[in-house]
């Protein structure tokens, strides 16, 4: 299951883990991404907390976590090659994984159809 926030961030649920990244719309808006700041493993985040930063040749933007949890992994491949957020925003360009602490928060997020309408 994948859900989307109104901050143009997605979360894909894998068991009790959420994999988080920016949407295709976000990376299109930002342009060529040149730097990412990722949250450290062990950091506890509440929904809508700033989890990191993404910088492009055009702008910098905060990355907000869509759900609450504890960071269990940051994407070191993305740190090494920030352009993955452009080329694979819903795949290898993920930002971090967290252990979900409040799975019910997923219900407040948009499904793919609702997000497509929201971001059109």
PDB file of N, CA and C in Angstrom:
ATOM      1  N   UNK A   1       0.856  -1.185   0.000  1.00  0.00           N
ATOM      2  CA  UNK A   1       0.000   0.000   0.000  1.00  0.00           C
ATOM      3  C   UNK A   1       0.892   1.236   0.000  1.00  0.00           C
ATOM      4  N   UNK A   2       0.569   2.196  -0.846  1.00  0.00           N
ATOM      5  CA  UNK A   2       1.284   3.466  -0.882  1.00  0.00           C
ATOM      6  C   UNK A   2       0.274   4.587  -0.651  1.00  0.00           C
ATOM      7  N   UNK A   3       0.684   5.555   0.167  1.00  0.00           N
ATOM      8  CA  UNK A   3      -0.161   6.704   0.489  1.00  0.00           C
ATOM      9  C   UNK A   3       0.649   7.980   0.274  1.00  0.00           C
ATOM     10  N   UNK A   4      -0.061   9.085   0.055  1.00  0.00           N
ATOM     11  CA  UNK A   4       0.571  10.357  -0.270  1.00  0.00           C
ATOM     12  C   UNK A   4       0.090  11.452   0.666  1.00  0.00           C
ATOM     13  N   UNK A   5       0.996  12.365   1.013  1.00  0.00           N
ATOM     14  CA  UNK A   5       0.631  13.505   1.853  1.00  0.00           C
ATOM     15  C   UNK A   5       0.462  14.749   0.992  1.00  0.00           C
ATOM     16  N   UNK A   6      -0.137  15.779   1.575  1.00  0.00           N
ATOM     17  CA  UNK A   6      -0.290  17.036   0.843  1.00  0.00           C
ATOM     18  C   UNK A   6       1.022  17.821   0.782  1.00  0.00           C
ATOM     19  N   UNK A   7       2.080  17.297   1.413  1.00  0.00           N
ATOM     20  CA  UNK A   7       3.422  17.883   1.289  1.00  0.00           C
ATOM     21  C   UNK A   7       4.220  17.200   0.179  1.00  0.00           C
ATOM     22  N   UNK A   8       3.555  16.399  -0.645  1.00  0.00           N
ATOM     23  CA  UNK A   8       4.168  15.727  -1.802  1.00  0.00           C
ATOM     24  C   UNK A   8       5.234  14.705  -1.381  1.00  0.00           C
ATOM     25  N   UNK A   9       4.886  13.974  -0.344  1.00  0.00           N
ATOM     26  CA  UNK A   9       5.714  12.883   0.165  1.00  0.00           C
ATOM     27  C   UNK A   9       4.860  11.625   0.138  1.00  0.00           C
ATOM     28  N   UNK A  10       5.494  10.493  -0.172  1.00  0.00           N
ATOM     29  CA  UNK A  10       4.773   9.216  -0.195  1.00  0.00           C
ATOM     30  C   UNK A  10       5.321   8.312   0.901  1.00  0.00           C
ATOM     31  N   UNK A  11       4.501   7.358   1.307  1.00  0.00           N
ATOM     32  CA  UNK A  11       4.928   6.310   2.229  1.00  0.00           C
ATOM     33  C   UNK A  11       4.373   4.987   1.711  1.00  0.00           C
ATOM     34  N   UNK A  12       5.271   4.020   1.547  1.00  0.00           N
ATOM     35  CA  UNK A  12       4.884   2.674   1.133  1.00  0.00           C
ATOM     36  C   UNK A  12       5.011   1.784   2.359  1.00  0.00           C
ATOM     37  N   UNK A  13       3.920   1.106   2.701  1.00  0.00           N
ATOM     38  CA  UNK A  13       3.894   0.271   3.897  1.00  0.00           C
ATOM     39  C   UNK A  13       4.355  -1.140   3.557  1.00  0.00           C
ATOM     40  N   UNK A  14       5.339  -1.594   4.320  1.00  0.00           N
ATOM     41  CA  UNK A  14       5.868  -2.956   4.205  1.00  0.00           C
ATOM     42  C   UNK A  14       5.869  -3.555   5.607  1.00  0.00           C
ATOM     43  N   UNK A  15       4.768  -4.239   5.955  1.00  0.00           N
ATOM     44  CA  UNK A  15       4.631  -4.771   7.314  1.00  0.00           C
ATOM     45  C   UNK A  15       4.443  -3.629   8.295  1.00  0.00           C
ATOM     46  N   UNK A  16       5.337  -3.527   9.296  1.00  0.00           N
ATOM     47  CA  UNK A  16       5.246  -2.430  10.265  1.00  0.00           C
ATOM     48  C   UNK A  16       6.242  -1.314   9.945  1.00  0.00           C
ATOM     49  N   UNK A  17       6.748  -1.331   8.707  1.00  0.00           N
ATOM     50  CA  UNK A  17       7.729  -0.342   8.259  1.00  0.00           C
ATOM     51  C   UNK A  17       7.116   0.545   7.182  1.00  0.00           C
ATOM     52  N   UNK A  18       7.447   1.824   7.240  1.00  0.00           N
ATOM     53  CA  UNK A  18       7.067   2.759   6.195  1.00  0.00           C
ATOM     54  C   UNK A  18       8.310   3.227   5.459  1.00  0.00           C
ATOM     55  N   UNK A  19       8.304   3.101   4.137  1.00  0.00           N
ATOM     56  CA  UNK A  19       9.384   3.598   3.292  1.00  0.00           C
ATOM     57  C   UNK A  19       8.905   4.947   2.757  1.00  0.00           C
ATOM     58  N   UNK A  20       9.711   6.008   2.942  1.00  0.00           N
ATOM     59  CA  UNK A  20       9.276   7.368   2.657  1.00  0.00           C
ATOM     60  C   UNK A  20      10.154   8.003   1.581  1.00  0.00           C
ATOM     61  N   UNK A  21       9.516   8.749   0.668  1.00  0.00           N
ATOM     62  CA  UNK A  21      10.248   9.482  -0.363  1.00  0.00           C
ATOM     63  C   UNK A  21       9.407  10.633  -0.869  1.00  0.00           C
ATOM     64  N   UNK A  22       9.974  11.389  -1.812  1.00  0.00           N
ATOM     65  CA  UNK A  22       9.222  12.489  -2.414  1.00  0.00           C
ATOM     66  C   UNK A  22       8.537  11.996  -3.685  1.00  0.00           C
ATOM     67  N   UNK A  23       7.475  12.670  -4.047  1.00  0.00           N
ATOM     68  CA  UNK A  23       6.677  12.240  -5.194  1.00  0.00           C
ATOM     69  C   UNK A  23       7.288  12.689  -6.518  1.00  0.00           C
ATOM     70  N   UNK A  24       6.773  12.125  -7.577  1.00  0.00           N
ATOM     71  CA  UNK A  24       7.160  12.533  -8.927  1.00  0.00           C
ATOM     72  C   UNK A  24       6.867  14.027  -9.106  1.00  0.00           C
ATOM     73  N   UNK A  25       5.708  14.472  -8.634  1.00  0.00           N
ATOM     74  CA  UNK A  25       5.346  15.889  -8.732  1.00  0.00           C
ATOM     75  C   UNK A  25       6.380  16.758  -8.019  1.00  0.00           C
ATOM     76  N   UNK A  26       6.802  16.354  -6.822  1.00  0.00           N
ATOM     77  CA  UNK A  26       7.787  17.135  -6.054  1.00  0.00           C
ATOM     78  C   UNK A  26       9.104  17.235  -6.797  1.00  0.00           C
ATOM     79  N   UNK A  27       9.596  16.120  -7.307  1.00  0.00           N
ATOM     80  CA  UNK A  27      10.888  16.170  -7.994  1.00  0.00           C
ATOM     81  C   UNK A  27      10.782  16.930  -9.308  1.00  0.00           C
ATOM     82  N   UNK A  28       9.617  16.854  -9.981  1.00  0.00           N
ATOM     83  CA  UNK A  28       9.408  17.647 -11.197  1.00  0.00           C
ATOM     84  C   UNK A  28       9.471  19.146 -10.879  1.00  0.00           C
ATOM     85  N   UNK A  29       8.850  19.527  -9.777  1.00  0.00           N
ATOM     86  CA  UNK A  29       8.810  20.932  -9.364  1.00  0.00           C
ATOM     87  C   UNK A  29      10.192  21.428  -8.958  1.00  0.00           C
ATOM     88  N   UNK A  30      10.925  20.594  -8.242  1.00  0.00           N
ATOM     89  CA  UNK A  30      12.250  20.994  -7.760  1.00  0.00           C
ATOM     90  C   UNK A  30      13.295  21.060  -8.867  1.00  0.00           C
ATOM     91  N   UNK A  31      13.194  20.191  -9.833  1.00  0.00           N
ATOM     92  CA  UNK A  31      14.226  20.114 -10.867  1.00  0.00           C
ATOM     93  C   UNK A  31      15.352  19.190 -10.418  1.00  0.00           C
ATOM     94  N   UNK A  32      16.547  19.397 -10.964  1.00  0.00           N
ATOM     95  CA  UNK A  32      17.676  18.497 -10.706  1.00  0.00           C
ATOM     96  C   UNK A  32      18.108  18.572  -9.241  1.00  0.00           C
ATOM     97  N   UNK A  33      17.941  17.464  -8.528  1.00  0.00           N
ATOM     98  CA  UNK A  33      18.279  17.405  -7.103  1.00  0.00           C
ATOM     99  C   UNK A  33      19.774  17.166  -6.959  1.00  0.00           C
ATOM    100  N   UNK A  34      20.404  18.007  -6.119  1.00  0.00           N
ATOM    101  CA  UNK A  34      21.860  17.956  -5.971  1.00  0.00           C
ATOM    102  C   UNK A  34      22.312  17.598  -4.554  1.00  0.00           C
ATOM    103  N   UNK A  35      21.398  17.630  -3.576  1.00  0.00           N
ATOM    104  CA  UNK A  35      21.772  17.341  -2.191  1.00  0.00           C
ATOM    105  C   UNK A  35      20.544  16.890  -1.422  1.00  0.00           C
ATOM    106  N   UNK A  36      20.726  15.922  -0.531  1.00  0.00           N
ATOM    107  CA  UNK A  36      19.666  15.532   0.398  1.00  0.00           C
ATOM    108  C   UNK A  36      20.252  15.442   1.795  1.00  0.00           C
ATOM    109  N   UNK A  37      19.465  15.876   2.757  1.00  0.00           N
ATOM    110  CA  UNK A  37      19.786  15.687   4.168  1.00  0.00           C
ATOM    111  C   UNK A  37      18.776  14.685   4.686  1.00  0.00           C
ATOM    112  N   UNK A  38      19.261  13.584   5.226  1.00  0.00           N
ATOM    113  CA  UNK A  38      18.394  12.495   5.664  1.00  0.00           C
ATOM    114  C   UNK A  38      18.404  12.382   7.177  1.00  0.00           C
ATOM    115  N   UNK A  39      17.320  11.890   7.768  1.00  0.00           N
ATOM    116  CA  UNK A  39      17.295  11.741   9.219  1.00  0.00           C
ATOM    117  C   UNK A  39      18.168  10.571   9.671  1.00  0.00           C
ATOM    118  N   UNK A  40      18.723  10.700  10.854  1.00  0.00           N
ATOM    119  CA  UNK A  40      19.587   9.655  11.403  1.00  0.00           C
ATOM    120  C   UNK A  40      18.754   8.502  11.945  1.00  0.00           C
ATOM    121  N   UNK A  41      19.209   7.267  11.735  1.00  0.00           N
ATOM    122  CA  UNK A  41      18.533   6.132  12.356  1.00  0.00           C
ATOM    123  C   UNK A  41      18.450   6.333  13.864  1.00  0.00           C
ATOM    124  N   UNK A  42      17.305   5.944  14.424  1.00  0.00           N
ATOM    125  CA  UNK A  42      17.058   6.118  15.843  1.00  0.00           C
ATOM    126  C   UNK A  42      16.258   7.364  16.168  1.00  0.00           C
ATOM    127  N   UNK A  43      16.165   8.284  15.221  1.00  0.00           N
ATOM    128  CA  UNK A  43      15.403   9.515  15.441  1.00  0.00           C
ATOM    129  C   UNK A  43      13.911   9.210  15.428  1.00  0.00           C
ATOM    130  N   UNK A  44      13.197   9.748  16.407  1.00  0.00           N
ATOM    131  CA  UNK A  44      11.750   9.580  16.490  1.00  0.00           C
ATOM    132  C   UNK A  44      11.089  10.798  15.874  1.00  0.00           C
ATOM    133  N   UNK A  45      10.149  10.544  14.974  1.00  0.00           N
ATOM    134  CA  UNK A  45       9.447  11.609  14.256  1.00  0.00           C
ATOM    135  C   UNK A  45       7.950  11.492  14.476  1.00  0.00           C
ATOM    136  N   UNK A  46       7.297  12.633  14.608  1.00  0.00           N
ATOM    137  CA  UNK A  46       5.839  12.677  14.620  1.00  0.00           C
ATOM    138  C   UNK A  46       5.382  13.073  13.223  1.00  0.00           C
ATOM    139  N   UNK A  47       4.178  12.687  12.867  1.00  0.00           N
ATOM    140  CA  UNK A  47       3.634  13.063  11.555  1.00  0.00           C
ATOM    141  C   UNK A  47       3.766  14.566  11.356  1.00  0.00           C
ATOM    142  N   UNK A  48       4.222  14.956  10.177  1.00  0.00           N
ATOM    143  CA  UNK A  48       4.402  16.342   9.741  1.00  0.00           C
ATOM    144  C   UNK A  48       5.662  16.994  10.304  1.00  0.00           C
ATOM    145  N   UNK A  49       6.510  16.236  11.040  1.00  0.00           N
ATOM    146  CA  UNK A  49       7.809  16.772  11.446  1.00  0.00           C
ATOM    147  C   UNK A  49       8.709  16.908  10.225  1.00  0.00           C
ATOM    148  N   UNK A  50       9.620  17.863  10.266  1.00  0.00           N
ATOM    149  CA  UNK A  50      10.633  17.971   9.226  1.00  0.00           C
ATOM    150  C   UNK A  50      11.630  16.835   9.448  1.00  0.00           C
ATOM    151  N   UNK A  51      11.757  15.976   8.454  1.00  0.00           N
ATOM    152  CA  UNK A  51      12.632  14.813   8.564  1.00  0.00           C
ATOM    153  C   UNK A  51      13.959  15.039   7.864  1.00  0.00           C
ATOM    154  N   UNK A  52      13.982  15.965   6.913  1.00  0.00           N
ATOM    155  CA  UNK A  52      15.191  16.203   6.155  1.00  0.00           C
ATOM    156  C   UNK A  52      15.003  17.363   5.204  1.00  0.00           C
ATOM    157  N   UNK A  53      15.966  17.498   4.308  1.00  0.00           N
ATOM    158  CA  UNK A  53      15.954  18.590   3.338  1.00  0.00           C
ATOM    159  C   UNK A  53      16.360  18.036   1.984  1.00  0.00           C
ATOM    160  N   UNK A  54      15.756  18.579   0.955  1.00  0.00           N
ATOM    161  CA  UNK A  54      16.157  18.252  -0.408  1.00  0.00           C
ATOM    162  C   UNK A  54      16.497  19.574  -1.105  1.00  0.00           C
ATOM    163  N   UNK A  55      17.654  19.593  -1.779  1.00  0.00           N
ATOM    164  CA  UNK A  55      18.069  20.798  -2.484  1.00  0.00           C
ATOM    165  C   UNK A  55      18.252  20.472  -3.955  1.00  0.00           C
ATOM    166  N   UNK A  56      17.775  21.409  -4.770  1.00  0.00           N
ATOM    167  CA  UNK A  56      17.927  21.271  -6.217  1.00  0.00           C
ATOM    168  C   UNK A  56      18.653  22.495  -6.748  1.00  0.00           C
ATOM    169  N   UNK A  57      18.867  22.517  -8.039  1.00  0.00           N
ATOM    170  CA  UNK A  57      19.486  23.688  -8.643  1.00  0.00           C
ATOM    171  C   UNK A  57      18.567  24.901  -8.556  1.00  0.00           C
ATOM    172  N   UNK A  58      17.253  24.670  -8.329  1.00  0.00           N
ATOM    173  CA  UNK A  58      16.282  25.752  -8.272  1.00  0.00           C
ATOM    174  C   UNK A  58      15.916  26.183  -6.856  1.00  0.00           C
ATOM    175  N   UNK A  59      15.869  25.231  -5.908  1.00  0.00           N
ATOM    176  CA  UNK A  59      15.308  25.547  -4.592  1.00  0.00           C
ATOM    177  C   UNK A  59      15.720  24.501  -3.557  1.00  0.00           C
ATOM    178  N   UNK A  60      15.446  24.824  -2.321  1.00  0.00           N
ATOM    179  CA  UNK A  60      15.586  23.861  -1.228  1.00  0.00           C
ATOM    180  C   UNK A  60      14.212  23.708  -0.590  1.00  0.00           C
ATOM    181  N   UNK A  61      13.931  22.514  -0.120  1.00  0.00           N
ATOM    182  CA  UNK A  61      12.626  22.257   0.487  1.00  0.00           C
ATOM    183  C   UNK A  61      12.784  21.278   1.639  1.00  0.00           C
ATOM    184  N   UNK A  62      11.979  21.482   2.670  1.00  0.00           N
ATOM    185  CA  UNK A  62      11.938  20.529   3.764  1.00  0.00           C
ATOM    186  C   UNK A  62      11.188  19.284   3.312  1.00  0.00           C
ATOM    187  N   UNK A  63      11.577  18.162   3.878  1.00  0.00           N
ATOM    188  CA  UNK A  63      10.879  16.898   3.648  1.00  0.00           C
ATOM    189  C   UNK A  63      10.175  16.560   4.960  1.00  0.00           C
ATOM    190  N   UNK A  64       8.853  16.483   4.902  1.00  0.00           N
ATOM    191  CA  UNK A  64       8.044  16.216   6.089  1.00  0.00           C
ATOM    192  C   UNK A  64       7.671  14.745   6.139  1.00  0.00           C
ATOM    193  N   UNK A  65       7.777  14.158   7.335  1.00  0.00           N
ATOM    194  CA  UNK A  65       7.371  12.759   7.446  1.00  0.00           C
ATOM    195  C   UNK A  65       5.843  12.672   7.442  1.00  0.00           C
ATOM    196  N   UNK A  66       5.283  11.767   6.651  1.00  0.00           N
ATOM    197  CA  UNK A  66       3.824  11.690   6.560  1.00  0.00           C
ATOM    198  C   UNK A  66       3.168  10.970   7.747  1.00  0.00           C
ATOM    199  N   UNK A  67       3.939  10.167   8.472  1.00  0.00           N
ATOM    200  CA  UNK A  67       3.412   9.397   9.601  1.00  0.00           C
ATOM    201  C   UNK A  67       4.460   9.350  10.715  1.00  0.00           C
ATOM    202  N   UNK A  68       4.020   9.006  11.902  1.00  0.00           N
ATOM    203  CA  UNK A  68       4.907   8.926  13.063  1.00  0.00           C
ATOM    204  C   UNK A  68       5.663   7.604  13.096  1.00  0.00           C
ATOM    205  N   UNK A  69       6.886   7.674  13.641  1.00  0.00           N
ATOM    206  CA  UNK A  69       7.661   6.456  13.792  1.00  0.00           C
ATOM    207  C   UNK A  69       9.110   6.764  14.144  1.00  0.00           C
ATOM    208  N   UNK A  70       9.892   5.709  14.230  1.00  0.00           N
ATOM    209  CA  UNK A  70      11.314   5.814  14.525  1.00  0.00           C
ATOM    210  C   UNK A  70      12.095   5.411  13.287  1.00  0.00           C
ATOM    211  N   UNK A  71      13.022   6.267  12.862  1.00  0.00           N
ATOM    212  CA  UNK A  71      13.824   6.011  11.675  1.00  0.00           C
ATOM    213  C   UNK A  71      14.689   4.772  11.911  1.00  0.00           C
ATOM    214  N   UNK A  72      14.605   3.818  10.993  1.00  0.00           N
ATOM    215  CA  UNK A  72      15.422   2.608  11.113  1.00  0.00           C
ATOM    216  C   UNK A  72      16.501   2.533  10.040  1.00  0.00           C
ATOM    217  N   UNK A  73      16.350   3.358   8.985  1.00  0.00           N
ATOM    218  CA  UNK A  73      17.361   3.344   7.923  1.00  0.00           C
ATOM    219  C   UNK A  73      17.235   4.604   7.081  1.00  0.00           C
ATOM    220  N   UNK A  74      18.378   5.180   6.727  1.00  0.00           N
ATOM    221  CA  UNK A  74      18.430   6.262   5.752  1.00  0.00           C
ATOM    222  C   UNK A  74      19.031   5.685   4.477  1.00  0.00           C
ATOM    223  N   UNK A  75      18.607   6.206   3.349  1.00  0.00           N
ATOM    224  CA  UNK A  75      19.058   5.692   2.054  1.00  0.00           C
ATOM    225  C   UNK A  75      20.433   6.280   1.711  1.00  0.00           C
ATOM    226  N   UNK A  76      21.478   5.530   2.053  1.00  0.00           N
ATOM    227  CA  UNK A  76      22.842   5.997   1.804  1.00  0.00           C
ATOM    228  C   UNK A  76      23.137   6.115   0.312  1.00  0.00           C
ATOM    229  N   UNK A  77      22.499   5.295  -0.515  1.00  0.00           N
ATOM    230  CA  UNK A  77      22.682   5.406  -1.968  1.00  0.00           C
ATOM    231  C   UNK A  77      22.172   6.758  -2.462  1.00  0.00           C
ATOM    232  N   UNK A  78      21.085   7.248  -1.872  1.00  0.00           N
ATOM    233  CA  UNK A  78      20.540   8.552  -2.243  1.00  0.00           C
ATOM    234  C   UNK A  78      21.465   9.670  -1.775  1.00  0.00           C
ATOM    235  N   UNK A  79      22.030   9.503  -0.591  1.00  0.00           N
ATOM    236  CA  UNK A  79      22.975  10.509  -0.086  1.00  0.00           C
ATOM    237  C   UNK A  79      24.167  10.622  -1.049  1.00  0.00           C
ATOM    238  N   UNK A  80      24.640   9.472  -1.543  1.00  0.00           N
ATOM    239  CA  UNK A  80      25.782   9.445  -2.460  1.00  0.00           C
ATOM    240  C   UNK A  80      25.409   9.955  -3.858  1.00  0.00           C
ATOM    241  N   UNK A  81      24.159   9.719  -4.264  1.00  0.00           N
ATOM    242  CA  UNK A  81      23.705  10.105  -5.607  1.00  0.00           C
ATOM    243  C   UNK A  81      22.301  10.712  -5.510  1.00  0.00           C
ATOM    244  N   UNK A  82      22.211  11.999  -5.105  1.00  0.00           N
ATOM    245  CA  UNK A  82      20.898  12.627  -4.916  1.00  0.00           C
ATOM    246  C   UNK A  82      20.009  12.603  -6.153  1.00  0.00           C
ATOM    247  N   UNK A  83      20.598  12.462  -7.338  1.00  0.00           N
ATOM    248  CA  UNK A  83      19.804  12.423  -8.572  1.00  0.00           C
ATOM    249  C   UNK A  83      18.865  11.222  -8.621  1.00  0.00           C
ATOM    250  N   UNK A  84      19.072  10.219  -7.768  1.00  0.00           N
ATOM    251  CA  UNK A  84      18.130   9.087  -7.701  1.00  0.00           C
ATOM    252  C   UNK A  84      16.725   9.565  -7.364  1.00  0.00           C
ATOM    253  N   UNK A  85      16.619  10.675  -6.629  1.00  0.00           N
ATOM    254  CA  UNK A  85      15.300  11.221  -6.298  1.00  0.00           C
ATOM    255  C   UNK A  85      14.591  11.722  -7.553  1.00  0.00           C
ATOM    256  N   UNK A  86      15.359  12.066  -8.598  1.00  0.00           N
ATOM    257  CA  UNK A  86      14.765  12.465  -9.872  1.00  0.00           C
ATOM    258  C   UNK A  86      14.466  11.258 -10.751  1.00  0.00           C
ATOM    259  N   UNK A  87      15.424  10.345 -10.848  1.00  0.00           N
ATOM    260  CA  UNK A  87      15.284   9.238 -11.789  1.00  0.00           C
ATOM    261  C   UNK A  87      14.417   8.105 -11.254  1.00  0.00           C
ATOM    262  N   UNK A  88      14.378   7.928  -9.944  1.00  0.00           N
ATOM    263  CA  UNK A  88      13.619   6.828  -9.333  1.00  0.00           C
ATOM    264  C   UNK A  88      12.866   7.312  -8.093  1.00  0.00           C
ATOM    265  N   UNK A  89      12.021   8.345  -8.201  1.00  0.00           N
ATOM    266  CA  UNK A  89      11.407   8.905  -6.996  1.00  0.00           C
ATOM    267  C   UNK A  89      10.545   7.929  -6.204  1.00  0.00           C
ATOM    268  N   UNK A  90       9.937   6.973  -6.878  1.00  0.00           N
ATOM    269  CA  UNK A  90       9.087   5.998  -6.179  1.00  0.00           C
ATOM    270  C   UNK A  90       9.794   4.651  -5.998  1.00  0.00           C
ATOM    271  N   UNK A  91      11.076   4.607  -6.328  1.00  0.00           N
ATOM    272  CA  UNK A  91      11.840   3.360  -6.233  1.00  0.00           C
ATOM    273  C   UNK A  91      13.112   3.566  -5.439  1.00  0.00           C
ATOM    274  N   UNK A  92      14.261   3.457  -6.129  1.00  0.00           N
ATOM    275  CA  UNK A  92      15.558   3.550  -5.467  1.00  0.00           C
ATOM    276  C   UNK A  92      15.835   4.924  -4.872  1.00  0.00           C
ATOM    277  N   UNK A  93      15.015   5.920  -5.195  1.00  0.00           N
ATOM    278  CA  UNK A  93      15.208   7.268  -4.674  1.00  0.00           C
ATOM    279  C   UNK A  93      14.492   7.534  -3.355  1.00  0.00           C
ATOM    280  N   UNK A  94      14.104   6.479  -2.639  1.00  0.00           N
ATOM    281  CA  UNK A  94      13.459   6.662  -1.332  1.00  0.00           C
ATOM    282  C   UNK A  94      14.421   7.367  -0.376  1.00  0.00           C
ATOM    283  N   UNK A  95      13.869   8.014   0.651  1.00  0.00           N
ATOM    284  CA  UNK A  95      14.676   8.806   1.578  1.00  0.00           C
ATOM    285  C   UNK A  95      15.016   8.044   2.864  1.00  0.00           C
ATOM    286  N   UNK A  96      14.003   7.489   3.520  1.00  0.00           N
ATOM    287  CA  UNK A  96      14.254   6.790   4.788  1.00  0.00           C
ATOM    288  C   UNK A  96      13.147   5.788   5.065  1.00  0.00           C
ATOM    289  N   UNK A  97      13.456   4.883   5.981  1.00  0.00           N
ATOM    290  CA  UNK A  97      12.482   3.901   6.444  1.00  0.00           C
ATOM    291  C   UNK A  97      12.249   4.145   7.932  1.00  0.00           C
ATOM    292  N   UNK A  98      11.005   3.971   8.348  1.00  0.00           N
ATOM    293  CA  UNK A  98      10.712   4.094   9.770  1.00  0.00           C
ATOM    294  C   UNK A  98       9.782   3.000  10.238  1.00  0.00           C
ATOM    295  N   UNK A  99       9.954   2.672  11.515  1.00  0.00           N
ATOM    296  CA  UNK A  99       9.050   1.719  12.152  1.00  0.00           C
ATOM    297  C   UNK A  99       7.825   2.523  12.568  1.00  0.00           C
ATOM    298  N   UNK A 100       6.682   2.158  12.013  1.00  0.00           N
ATOM    299  CA  UNK A 100       5.453   2.914  12.257  1.00  0.00           C
ATOM    300  C   UNK A 100       5.032   2.808  13.721  1.00  0.00           C
ATOM    301  N   UNK A 101       4.755   3.950  14.336  1.00  0.00           N
ATOM    302  CA  UNK A 101       4.278   3.934  15.719  1.00  0.00           C
ATOM    303  C   UNK A 101       2.770   4.182  15.806  1.00  0.00           C
ATOM    304  N   UNK A 102       2.199   4.779  14.774  1.00  0.00           N
ATOM    305  CA  UNK A 102       0.752   5.064  14.748  1.00  0.00           C
ATOM    306  C   UNK A 102       0.205   4.735  13.367  1.00  0.00           C
ATOM    307  N   UNK A 103       0.066   3.449  13.036  1.00  0.00           N
ATOM    308  CA  UNK A 103      -0.386   3.064  11.695  1.00  0.00           C
ATOM    309  C   UNK A 103      -1.732   3.679  11.293  1.00  0.00           C
ATOM    310  N   UNK A 104      -2.567   4.023  12.255  1.00  0.00           N
ATOM    311  CA  UNK A 104      -3.867   4.617  11.931  1.00  0.00           C
ATOM    312  C   UNK A 104      -3.716   5.956  11.215  1.00  0.00           C
ATOM    313  N   UNK A 105      -2.548   6.615  11.342  1.00  0.00           N
ATOM    314  CA  UNK A 105      -2.326   7.885  10.645  1.00  0.00           C
ATOM    315  C   UNK A 105      -2.354   7.713   9.127  1.00  0.00           C
ATOM    316  N   UNK A 106      -2.098   6.511   8.660  1.00  0.00           N
ATOM    317  CA  UNK A 106      -2.139   6.239   7.223  1.00  0.00           C
ATOM    318  C   UNK A 106      -3.514   6.536   6.630  1.00  0.00           C
ATOM    319  N   UNK A 107      -4.555   6.372   7.447  1.00  0.00           N
ATOM    320  CA  UNK A 107      -5.924   6.590   6.981  1.00  0.00           C
ATOM    321  C   UNK A 107      -6.176   8.036   6.580  1.00  0.00           C
ATOM    322  N   UNK A 108      -5.388   8.983   7.107  1.00  0.00           N
ATOM    323  CA  UNK A 108      -5.571  10.398   6.801  1.00  0.00           C
ATOM    324  C   UNK A 108      -4.850  10.808   5.513  1.00  0.00           C
ATOM    325  N   UNK A 109      -4.056   9.906   4.950  1.00  0.00           N
ATOM    326  CA  UNK A 109      -3.303  10.216   3.738  1.00  0.00           C
ATOM    327  C   UNK A 109      -4.105   9.839   2.490  1.00  0.00           C
ATOM    328  N   UNK A 110      -3.669  10.355   1.349  1.00  0.00           N
ATOM    329  CA  UNK A 110      -4.376  10.125   0.081  1.00  0.00           C
ATOM    330  C   UNK A 110      -3.903   8.847  -0.601  1.00  0.00           C
ATOM    331  N   UNK A 111      -4.834   8.179  -1.296  1.00  0.00           N
ATOM    332  CA  UNK A 111      -4.426   7.073  -2.156  1.00  0.00           C
ATOM    333  C   UNK A 111      -3.942   7.675  -3.477  1.00  0.00           C
ATOM    334  N   UNK A 112      -3.518   6.829  -4.397  1.00  0.00           N
ATOM    335  CA  UNK A 112      -2.915   7.310  -5.641  1.00  0.00           C
ATOM    336  C   UNK A 112      -3.875   8.176  -6.455  1.00  0.00           C
ATOM    337  N   UNK A 113      -5.129   7.777  -6.545  1.00  0.00           N
ATOM    338  CA  UNK A 113      -6.114   8.538  -7.331  1.00  0.00           C
ATOM    339  C   UNK A 113      -6.367   9.904  -6.700  1.00  0.00           C
ATOM    340  N   UNK A 114      -6.512   9.943  -5.400  1.00  0.00           N
ATOM    341  CA  UNK A 114      -6.761  11.227  -4.712  1.00  0.00           C
ATOM    342  C   UNK A 114      -5.549  12.140  -4.859  1.00  0.00           C
ATOM    343  N   UNK A 115      -4.352  11.585  -4.756  1.00  0.00           N
ATOM    344  CA  UNK A 115      -3.146  12.402  -4.904  1.00  0.00           C
ATOM    345  C   UNK A 115      -3.004  12.931  -6.328  1.00  0.00           C
ATOM    346  N   UNK A 116      -3.310  12.112  -7.307  1.00  0.00           N
ATOM    347  CA  UNK A 116      -3.236  12.545  -8.710  1.00  0.00           C
ATOM    348  C   UNK A 116      -4.162  13.729  -8.940  1.00  0.00           C
ATOM    349  N   UNK A 117      -5.339  13.685  -8.366  1.00  0.00           N
ATOM    350  CA  UNK A 117      -6.292  14.784  -8.486  1.00  0.00           C
ATOM    351  C   UNK A 117      -5.776  16.020  -7.737  1.00  0.00           C
ATOM    352  N   UNK A 118      -5.229  15.818  -6.539  1.00  0.00           N
ATOM    353  CA  UNK A 118      -4.694  16.903  -5.706  1.00  0.00           C
ATOM    354  C   UNK A 118      -3.535  17.622  -6.399  1.00  0.00           C
ATOM    355  N   UNK A 119      -2.668  16.886  -7.039  1.00  0.00           N
ATOM    356  CA  UNK A 119      -1.454  17.470  -7.599  1.00  0.00           C
ATOM    357  C   UNK A 119      -1.586  17.910  -9.060  1.00  0.00           C
ATOM    358  N   UNK A 120      -2.779  17.718  -9.621  1.00  0.00           N
ATOM    359  CA  UNK A 120      -2.985  18.085 -11.030  1.00  0.00           C
ATOM    360  C   UNK A 120      -3.040  19.584 -11.226  1.00  0.00           C
TER     361      UNK A 120
END
